[in-house]
Amino acid sequence: MVNFCAIKGFFMNKKLFFLVMLVCLLALSLALVGCKTDDDDDRDSIPAALVGRWGFSAGGEQFRINADGTGTQGDPASIITPTNCKWSVNGKRLSFSYINTPGTGSADYSITNGKLTFSNLDANDPLSNYFQYFIAQATVPMGLGPLVKLSDSGNGGGNIPASLISKWYFSQADADADSHIYPFEITSDGKLLLQMGLVSYDLTVSGNTITAKTTGLTLGSATYSVDGTKLTLTSTGGVTNIFNAITTNGNSFFK
């Protein structure tokens, strides 16, 4: 004879078992969602005050920090390509690491009146000596001073007259021969290239005056005139004007 009570009890126990399992799975899912990965532990978003390009007031970008924590170290205007890195912040502690390279560098940071300084290096962070250079420049006599946020204004980027866009040579014969040696080149995207393209500066044009800049720092200006394939430059003066060097061997250039 079939024991219906036993069968009913069996299915009731099964239902209870599945209900308990469902509750356990739900609790486990919530726990996993609430857990942070190691990469998320103790990290804050990048403060807006840190986001930007940092360098010395005398010029030269040292590093840049993006809002998503990506960034670079180095000056894009130099011949050495900047190194990609990852930035993170924990309170007032700034850290960086290189992609596919072990180790981190970290230091406490402070921004006062727009000036960025570092302190409290951690000897256990193998890359922390990166910050030591900036500490020294901000404290030693005749140092370059603390870091400041560099402006993005003044960059080249177009509006260059077509008559200026070219490689410029010392003679018409060199230009006609397309010699590999030329003093400078002006590009359509507003760049002044020196040393056969190894050095790059931003270039702006206003009327008949061209101005070279790097990371917001003005390097010098010159007035210009173009007559056919001949460019004449006249430096506007100043001891550090870069166009003094460009026109050392004469102020006429050819394309």
Foldseek 3Di string as FASTA:
>chain_A
DDDVVVVVVVVVVVVVVVVVVVVVVVVVVVVVVPDDDPVPPQWDFDDPLQAAFKDFPQAFTAKGAHRRQKIWGGGPQALDDTAIWGWTDRPQKIKIDHPPDDFMAIFGWDADPQFIATDDTDPVGVPNCVRVLQNCLQPPPPRSHTMGGFDPPPAFAAPDDPLQAAFWAPDQVCVVVVPQDGAWGAHRGAWIAGPSRSGIWGWDDDDQKIWTHGSNHTQFMWGWDDDPFKIFTGTPDDPRRPVCVSQVVHRIIGD
